[in-house]
Amino acid sequence: MQEVVSFPPEVNEKVGQYCIDHSVSLPGYFKEHKEYTEQNYPNPEKMVSTLQAQFFVWLASDRKAKKILEIGCSSGIFPFR
């Protein structure tokens, strides 16, 4: 899919990193799970990105969700602490 406005890759990377740095921080177990997936699964890119995970955490917090159902996770369930 072609973007409407394309930016040079270095701009995309800097903007993406800025968004990650200024968004909700992820709990440690998310980071552990990402590392585990990258080391043990053949297609780790199928996992949501850090920025997507931050958005989901923020959204659940904003909506005061008590239960969340995820369908279609790529690397299974990681034990929560």
PDB file of N, CA and C in Angstrom:
ATOM      1  N   MET A   1       0.846  -1.175   0.000  1.00  0.00           N
ATOM      2  CA  MET A   1       0.000   0.000   0.000  1.00  0.00           C
ATOM      3  C   MET A   1       0.889   1.234   0.000  1.00  0.00           C
ATOM      4  N   GLN A   2       0.680   2.112  -0.935  1.00  0.00           N
ATOM      5  CA  GLN A   2       1.494   3.315  -1.025  1.00  0.00           C
ATOM      6  C   GLN A   2       0.930   4.394  -0.113  1.00  0.00           C
ATOM      7  N   GLU A   3       1.829   5.056   0.576  1.00  0.00           N
ATOM      8  CA  GLU A   3       1.416   6.096   1.492  1.00  0.00           C
ATOM      9  C   GLU A   3       1.014   7.354   0.728  1.00  0.00           C
ATOM     10  N   VAL A   4       0.134   8.140   1.304  1.00  0.00           N
ATOM     11  CA  VAL A   4      -0.291   9.396   0.682  1.00  0.00           C
ATOM     12  C   VAL A   4       0.868  10.379   0.682  1.00  0.00           C
ATOM     13  N   VAL A   5       1.515  10.525   1.827  1.00  0.00           N
ATOM     14  CA  VAL A   5       2.687  11.379   1.934  1.00  0.00           C
ATOM     15  C   VAL A   5       3.828  10.498   2.403  1.00  0.00           C
ATOM     16  N   SER A   6       4.844  10.384   1.587  1.00  0.00           N
ATOM     17  CA  SER A   6       5.961   9.539   1.994  1.00  0.00           C
ATOM     18  C   SER A   6       7.084  10.409   2.550  1.00  0.00           C
ATOM     19  N   PHE A   7       7.724   9.903   3.571  1.00  0.00           N
ATOM     20  CA  PHE A   7       8.837  10.585   4.195  1.00  0.00           C
ATOM     21  C   PHE A   7      10.073   9.720   4.041  1.00  0.00           C
ATOM     22  N   PRO A   8      11.237  10.327   4.099  1.00  0.00           N
ATOM     23  CA  PRO A   8      12.463   9.518   4.055  1.00  0.00           C
ATOM     24  C   PRO A   8      12.495   8.555   5.237  1.00  0.00           C
ATOM     25  N   PRO A   9      13.104   7.389   5.068  1.00  0.00           N
ATOM     26  CA  PRO A   9      13.143   6.382   6.145  1.00  0.00           C
ATOM     27  C   PRO A   9      13.697   6.919   7.459  1.00  0.00           C
ATOM     28  N   GLU A  10      14.698   7.791   7.401  1.00  0.00           N
ATOM     29  CA  GLU A  10      15.273   8.308   8.650  1.00  0.00           C
ATOM     30  C   GLU A  10      14.276   9.176   9.407  1.00  0.00           C
ATOM     31  N   VAL A  11      13.395   9.876   8.695  1.00  0.00           N
ATOM     32  CA  VAL A  11      12.353  10.675   9.353  1.00  0.00           C
ATOM     33  C   VAL A  11      11.332   9.737   9.994  1.00  0.00           C
ATOM     34  N   ASN A  12      10.917   8.714   9.255  1.00  0.00           N
ATOM     35  CA  ASN A  12       9.975   7.738   9.811  1.00  0.00           C
ATOM     36  C   ASN A  12      10.528   7.100  11.080  1.00  0.00           C
ATOM     37  N   GLU A  13      11.806   6.745  11.056  1.00  0.00           N
ATOM     38  CA  GLU A  13      12.418   6.099  12.212  1.00  0.00           C
ATOM     39  C   GLU A  13      12.464   7.050  13.417  1.00  0.00           C
ATOM     40  N   LYS A  14      12.832   8.308  13.189  1.00  0.00           N
ATOM     41  CA  LYS A  14      12.906   9.278  14.288  1.00  0.00           C
ATOM     42  C   LYS A  14      11.526   9.572  14.868  1.00  0.00           C
ATOM     43  N   VAL A  15      10.530   9.700  14.015  1.00  0.00           N
ATOM     44  CA  VAL A  15       9.167   9.962  14.491  1.00  0.00           C
ATOM     45  C   VAL A  15       8.648   8.765  15.276  1.00  0.00           C
ATOM     46  N   GLY A  16       8.898   7.568  14.756  1.00  0.00           N
ATOM     47  CA  GLY A  16       8.478   6.356  15.460  1.00  0.00           C
ATOM     48  C   GLY A  16       9.124   6.241  16.829  1.00  0.00           C
ATOM     49  N   GLN A  17      10.420   6.521  16.911  1.00  0.00           N
ATOM     50  CA  GLN A  17      11.115   6.447  18.192  1.00  0.00           C
ATOM     51  C   GLN A  17      10.613   7.526  19.142  1.00  0.00           C
ATOM     52  N   TYR A  18      10.316   8.708  18.631  1.00  0.00           N
ATOM     53  CA  TYR A  18       9.758   9.778  19.461  1.00  0.00           C
ATOM     54  C   TYR A  18       8.428   9.330  20.070  1.00  0.00           C
ATOM     55  N   CYS A  19       7.576   8.717  19.249  1.00  0.00           N
ATOM     56  CA  CYS A  19       6.271   8.244  19.737  1.00  0.00           C
ATOM     57  C   CYS A  19       6.436   7.187  20.821  1.00  0.00           C
ATOM     58  N   ILE A  20       7.356   6.261  20.619  1.00  0.00           N
ATOM     59  CA  ILE A  20       7.606   5.222  21.616  1.00  0.00           C
ATOM     60  C   ILE A  20       8.111   5.843  22.915  1.00  0.00           C
ATOM     61  N   ASP A  21       9.044   6.782  22.799  1.00  0.00           N
ATOM     62  CA  ASP A  21       9.636   7.411  23.984  1.00  0.00           C
ATOM     63  C   ASP A  21       8.638   8.252  24.779  1.00  0.00           C
ATOM     64  N   HIS A  22       7.615   8.775  24.114  1.00  0.00           N
ATOM     65  CA  HIS A  22       6.672   9.679  24.779  1.00  0.00           C
ATOM     66  C   HIS A  22       5.290   9.060  24.996  1.00  0.00           C
ATOM     67  N   SER A  23       5.215   7.741  24.883  1.00  0.00           N
ATOM     68  CA  SER A  23       3.952   7.038  25.108  1.00  0.00           C
ATOM     69  C   SER A  23       4.022   6.269  26.422  1.00  0.00           C
ATOM     70  N   VAL A  24       2.921   5.635  26.786  1.00  0.00           N
ATOM     71  CA  VAL A  24       2.835   4.837  28.005  1.00  0.00           C
ATOM     72  C   VAL A  24       3.946   3.794  28.007  1.00  0.00           C
ATOM     73  N   SER A  25       4.665   3.692  29.110  1.00  0.00           N
ATOM     74  CA  SER A  25       5.725   2.683  29.174  1.00  0.00           C
ATOM     75  C   SER A  25       5.098   1.303  29.380  1.00  0.00           C
ATOM     76  N   LEU A  26       5.761   0.308  28.866  1.00  0.00           N
ATOM     77  CA  LEU A  26       5.255  -1.059  28.958  1.00  0.00           C
ATOM     78  C   LEU A  26       5.803  -1.749  30.203  1.00  0.00           C
ATOM     79  N   PRO A  27       4.996  -2.614  30.808  1.00  0.00           N
ATOM     80  CA  PRO A  27       5.492  -3.395  31.945  1.00  0.00           C
ATOM     81  C   PRO A  27       6.644  -4.302  31.492  1.00  0.00           C
ATOM     82  N   GLY A  28       7.490  -4.693  32.427  1.00  0.00           N
ATOM     83  CA  GLY A  28       8.646  -5.526  32.108  1.00  0.00           C
ATOM     84  C   GLY A  28       8.314  -6.816  31.400  1.00  0.00           C
ATOM     85  N   TYR A  29       7.180  -7.430  31.751  1.00  0.00           N
ATOM     86  CA  TYR A  29       6.859  -8.717  31.127  1.00  0.00           C
ATOM     87  C   TYR A  29       6.559  -8.580  29.640  1.00  0.00           C
ATOM     88  N   PHE A  30       6.137  -7.404  29.185  1.00  0.00           N
ATOM     89  CA  PHE A  30       5.954  -7.205  27.745  1.00  0.00           C
ATOM     90  C   PHE A  30       7.308  -7.259  27.038  1.00  0.00           C
ATOM     91  N   LYS A  31       8.284  -6.593  27.628  1.00  0.00           N
ATOM     92  CA  LYS A  31       9.624  -6.570  27.036  1.00  0.00           C
ATOM     93  C   LYS A  31      10.241  -7.964  27.048  1.00  0.00           C
ATOM     94  N   GLU A  32      10.059  -8.692  28.138  1.00  0.00           N
ATOM     95  CA  GLU A  32      10.564 -10.064  28.232  1.00  0.00           C
ATOM     96  C   GLU A  32       9.919 -10.944  27.166  1.00  0.00           C
ATOM     97  N   HIS A  33       8.618 -10.787  26.982  1.00  0.00           N
ATOM     98  CA  HIS A  33       7.892 -11.591  25.998  1.00  0.00           C
ATOM     99  C   HIS A  33       8.374 -11.274  24.580  1.00  0.00           C
ATOM    100  N   LYS A  34       8.627 -10.016  24.301  1.00  0.00           N
ATOM    101  CA  LYS A  34       9.114  -9.635  22.972  1.00  0.00           C
ATOM    102  C   LYS A  34      10.475 -10.280  22.708  1.00  0.00           C
ATOM    103  N   GLU A  35      11.367 -10.216  23.685  1.00  0.00           N
ATOM    104  CA  GLU A  35      12.683 -10.838  23.533  1.00  0.00           C
ATOM    105  C   GLU A  35      12.553 -12.351  23.346  1.00  0.00           C
ATOM    106  N   TYR A  36      11.682 -12.969  24.149  1.00  0.00           N
ATOM    107  CA  TYR A  36      11.454 -14.411  24.047  1.00  0.00           C
ATOM    108  C   TYR A  36      10.954 -14.770  22.642  1.00  0.00           C
ATOM    109  N   THR A  37      10.006 -14.002  22.136  1.00  0.00           N
ATOM    110  CA  THR A  37       9.435 -14.259  20.814  1.00  0.00           C
ATOM    111  C   THR A  37      10.495 -14.104  19.730  1.00  0.00           C
ATOM    112  N   GLU A  38      11.300 -13.045  19.836  1.00  0.00           N
ATOM    113  CA  GLU A  38      12.348 -12.815  18.832  1.00  0.00           C
ATOM    114  C   GLU A  38      13.362 -13.954  18.800  1.00  0.00           C
ATOM    115  N   GLN A  39      13.626 -14.565  19.948  1.00  0.00           N
ATOM    116  CA  GLN A  39      14.623 -15.626  20.024  1.00  0.00           C
ATOM    117  C   GLN A  39      14.071 -17.010  19.695  1.00  0.00           C
ATOM    118  N   ASN A  40      12.757 -17.229  19.868  1.00  0.00           N
ATOM    119  CA  ASN A  40      12.214 -18.586  19.781  1.00  0.00           C
ATOM    120  C   ASN A  40      11.182 -18.823  18.691  1.00  0.00           C
ATOM    121  N   TYR A  41      10.799 -17.815  17.938  1.00  0.00           N
ATOM    122  CA  TYR A  41       9.776 -17.998  16.919  1.00  0.00           C
ATOM    123  C   TYR A  41      10.325 -17.613  15.554  1.00  0.00           C
ATOM    124  N   PRO A  42       9.908 -18.348  14.509  1.00  0.00           N
ATOM    125  CA  PRO A  42      10.465 -18.085  13.175  1.00  0.00           C
ATOM    126  C   PRO A  42      10.022 -16.756  12.556  1.00  0.00           C
ATOM    127  N   ASN A  43       8.889 -16.222  12.948  1.00  0.00           N
ATOM    128  CA  ASN A  43       8.387 -14.972  12.369  1.00  0.00           C
ATOM    129  C   ASN A  43       8.031 -13.969  13.463  1.00  0.00           C
ATOM    130  N   PRO A  44       9.027 -13.445  14.184  1.00  0.00           N
ATOM    131  CA  PRO A  44       8.718 -12.544  15.300  1.00  0.00           C
ATOM    132  C   PRO A  44       8.087 -11.222  14.864  1.00  0.00           C
ATOM    133  N   GLU A  45       8.224 -10.887  13.586  1.00  0.00           N
ATOM    134  CA  GLU A  45       7.630  -9.632  13.096  1.00  0.00           C
ATOM    135  C   GLU A  45       6.103  -9.658  13.104  1.00  0.00           C
ATOM    136  N   LYS A  46       5.518 -10.835  13.306  1.00  0.00           N
ATOM    137  CA  LYS A  46       4.057 -10.934  13.383  1.00  0.00           C
ATOM    138  C   LYS A  46       3.508 -10.412  14.708  1.00  0.00           C
ATOM    139  N   MET A  47       4.389 -10.276  15.694  1.00  0.00           N
ATOM    140  CA  MET A  47       3.967  -9.747  16.985  1.00  0.00           C
ATOM    141  C   MET A  47       3.728  -8.248  16.842  1.00  0.00           C
ATOM    142  N   VAL A  48       2.826  -7.715  17.631  1.00  0.00           N
ATOM    143  CA  VAL A  48       2.565  -6.277  17.567  1.00  0.00           C
ATOM    144  C   VAL A  48       3.841  -5.511  17.891  1.00  0.00           C
ATOM    145  N   SER A  49       3.946  -4.324  17.341  1.00  0.00           N
ATOM    146  CA  SER A  49       5.115  -3.493  17.612  1.00  0.00           C
ATOM    147  C   SER A  49       5.017  -2.900  19.016  1.00  0.00           C
ATOM    148  N   THR A  50       6.116  -2.333  19.466  1.00  0.00           N
ATOM    149  CA  THR A  50       6.138  -1.691  20.780  1.00  0.00           C
ATOM    150  C   THR A  50       5.111  -0.570  20.840  1.00  0.00           C
ATOM    151  N   LEU A  51       5.018   0.233  19.788  1.00  0.00           N
ATOM    152  CA  LEU A  51       4.078   1.346  19.773  1.00  0.00           C
ATOM    153  C   LEU A  51       2.630   0.847  19.783  1.00  0.00           C
ATOM    154  N   GLN A  52       2.342  -0.223  19.059  1.00  0.00           N
ATOM    155  CA  GLN A  52       0.995  -0.798  19.079  1.00  0.00           C
ATOM    156  C   GLN A  52       0.659  -1.314  20.480  1.00  0.00           C
ATOM    157  N   ALA A  53       1.611  -1.977  21.114  1.00  0.00           N
ATOM    158  CA  ALA A  53       1.384  -2.486  22.469  1.00  0.00           C
ATOM    159  C   ALA A  53       1.132  -1.335  23.436  1.00  0.00           C
ATOM    160  N   GLN A  54       1.888  -0.250  23.290  1.00  0.00           N
ATOM    161  CA  GLN A  54       1.680   0.910  24.153  1.00  0.00           C
ATOM    162  C   GLN A  54       0.278   1.484  23.949  1.00  0.00           C
ATOM    163  N   PHE A  55      -0.176   1.508  22.707  1.00  0.00           N
ATOM    164  CA  PHE A  55      -1.522   2.010  22.425  1.00  0.00           C
ATOM    165  C   PHE A  55      -2.576   1.120  23.076  1.00  0.00           C
ATOM    166  N   PHE A  56      -2.415  -0.198  22.978  1.00  0.00           N
ATOM    167  CA  PHE A  56      -3.383  -1.112  23.572  1.00  0.00           C
ATOM    168  C   PHE A  56      -3.424  -0.982  25.094  1.00  0.00           C
ATOM    169  N   VAL A  57      -2.255  -0.815  25.719  1.00  0.00           N
ATOM    170  CA  VAL A  57      -2.207  -0.622  27.167  1.00  0.00           C
ATOM    171  C   VAL A  57      -2.919   0.669  27.541  1.00  0.00           C
ATOM    172  N   TRP A  58      -2.635   1.735  26.791  1.00  0.00           N
ATOM    173  CA  TRP A  58      -3.293   3.016  27.061  1.00  0.00           C
ATOM    174  C   TRP A  58      -4.806   2.898  26.873  1.00  0.00           C
ATOM    175  N   LEU A  59      -5.222   2.251  25.790  1.00  0.00           N
ATOM    176  CA  LEU A  59      -6.648   2.117  25.494  1.00  0.00           C
ATOM    177  C   LEU A  59      -7.369   1.344  26.596  1.00  0.00           C
ATOM    178  N   ALA A  60      -6.777   0.247  27.039  1.00  0.00           N
ATOM    179  CA  ALA A  60      -7.393  -0.541  28.115  1.00  0.00           C
ATOM    180  C   ALA A  60      -7.472   0.273  29.402  1.00  0.00           C
ATOM    181  N   SER A  61      -6.431   1.032  29.670  1.00  0.00           N
ATOM    182  CA  SER A  61      -6.422   1.877  30.868  1.00  0.00           C
ATOM    183  C   SER A  61      -7.460   2.991  30.757  1.00  0.00           C
ATOM    184  N   ASP A  62      -7.527   3.621  29.596  1.00  0.00           N
ATOM    185  CA  ASP A  62      -8.471   4.711  29.373  1.00  0.00           C
ATOM    186  C   ASP A  62      -9.921   4.242  29.514  1.00  0.00           C
ATOM    187  N   ARG A  63     -10.192   3.031  29.038  1.00  0.00           N
ATOM    188  CA  ARG A  63     -11.554   2.487  29.091  1.00  0.00           C
ATOM    189  C   ARG A  63     -11.841   1.782  30.406  1.00  0.00           C
ATOM    190  N   LYS A  64     -10.823   1.733  31.285  1.00  0.00           N
ATOM    191  CA  LYS A  64     -10.947   1.059  32.579  1.00  0.00           C
ATOM    192  C   LYS A  64     -11.416  -0.395  32.413  1.00  0.00           C
ATOM    193  N   ALA A  65     -10.795  -1.059  31.444  1.00  0.00           N
ATOM    194  CA  ALA A  65     -11.164  -2.445  31.147  1.00  0.00           C
ATOM    195  C   ALA A  65     -10.812  -3.356  32.307  1.00  0.00           C
ATOM    196  N   LYS A  66     -11.730  -4.226  32.644  1.00  0.00           N
ATOM    197  CA  LYS A  66     -11.490  -5.203  33.693  1.00  0.00           C
ATOM    198  C   LYS A  66     -11.071  -6.548  33.102  1.00  0.00           C
ATOM    199  N   LYS A  67     -11.515  -6.821  31.882  1.00  0.00           N
ATOM    200  CA  LYS A  67     -11.156  -8.054  31.196  1.00  0.00           C
ATOM    201  C   LYS A  67     -10.844  -7.724  29.743  1.00  0.00           C
ATOM    202  N   ILE A  68      -9.883  -8.455  29.188  1.00  0.00           N
ATOM    203  CA  ILE A  68      -9.498  -8.249  27.791  1.00  0.00           C
ATOM    204  C   ILE A  68      -9.379  -9.620  27.142  1.00  0.00           C
ATOM    205  N   LEU A  69      -9.947  -9.762  25.978  1.00  0.00           N
ATOM    206  CA  LEU A  69      -9.843 -10.999  25.215  1.00  0.00           C
ATOM    207  C   LEU A  69      -9.038 -10.715  23.962  1.00  0.00           C
ATOM    208  N   GLU A  70      -7.919 -11.413  23.816  1.00  0.00           N
ATOM    209  CA  GLU A  70      -7.107 -11.269  22.618  1.00  0.00           C
ATOM    210  C   GLU A  70      -7.278 -12.524  21.784  1.00  0.00           C
ATOM    211  N   ILE A  71      -7.625 -12.336  20.548  1.00  0.00           N
ATOM    212  CA  ILE A  71      -7.809 -13.459  19.635  1.00  0.00           C
ATOM    213  C   ILE A  71      -6.755 -13.350  18.542  1.00  0.00           C
ATOM    214  N   GLY A  72      -6.027 -14.436  18.345  1.00  0.00           N
ATOM    215  CA  GLY A  72      -5.056 -14.457  17.264  1.00  0.00           C
ATOM    216  C   GLY A  72      -3.656 -14.036  17.671  1.00  0.00           C
ATOM    217  N   CYS A  73      -3.278 -14.287  18.920  1.00  0.00           N
ATOM    218  CA  CYS A  73      -1.913 -13.923  19.324  1.00  0.00           C
ATOM    219  C   CYS A  73      -0.914 -14.820  18.591  1.00  0.00           C
ATOM    220  N   SER A  74       0.213 -14.254  18.218  1.00  0.00           N
ATOM    221  CA  SER A  74       1.162 -14.982  17.383  1.00  0.00           C
ATOM    222  C   SER A  74       2.103 -15.878  18.169  1.00  0.00           C
ATOM    223  N   SER A  75       2.429 -15.514  19.399  1.00  0.00           N
ATOM    224  CA  SER A  75       3.423 -16.307  20.125  1.00  0.00           C
ATOM    225  C   SER A  75       2.906 -16.840  21.453  1.00  0.00           C
ATOM    226  N   GLY A  76       1.617 -16.962  21.570  1.00  0.00           N
ATOM    227  CA  GLY A  76       1.048 -17.578  22.757  1.00  0.00           C
ATOM    228  C   GLY A  76       0.975 -16.682  23.954  1.00  0.00           C
ATOM    229  N   ILE A  77       0.705 -17.287  25.069  1.00  0.00           N
ATOM    230  CA  ILE A  77       0.495 -16.533  26.305  1.00  0.00           C
ATOM    231  C   ILE A  77       1.780 -16.585  27.122  1.00  0.00           C
ATOM    232  N   PHE A  78       2.164 -15.462  27.612  1.00  0.00           N
ATOM    233  CA  PHE A  78       3.333 -15.359  28.481  1.00  0.00           C
ATOM    234  C   PHE A  78       2.841 -15.264  29.908  1.00  0.00           C
ATOM    235  N   PRO A  79       3.444 -15.965  30.839  1.00  0.00           N
ATOM    236  CA  PRO A  79       2.947 -15.920  32.219  1.00  0.00           C
ATOM    237  C   PRO A  79       3.016 -14.518  32.811  1.00  0.00           C
ATOM    238  N   PHE A  80       1.902 -14.037  33.313  1.00  0.00           N
ATOM    239  CA  PHE A  80       1.858 -12.717  33.917  1.00  0.00           C
ATOM    240  C   PHE A  80       2.352 -12.797  35.347  1.00  0.00           C
ATOM    241  N   ARG A  81       2.946 -11.722  35.788  1.00  0.00           N
ATOM    242  CA  ARG A  81       3.477 -11.682  37.151  1.00  0.00           C
ATOM    243  C   ARG A  81       2.683 -10.732  37.982  1.00  0.00           C
TER     244      ARG A  81
END
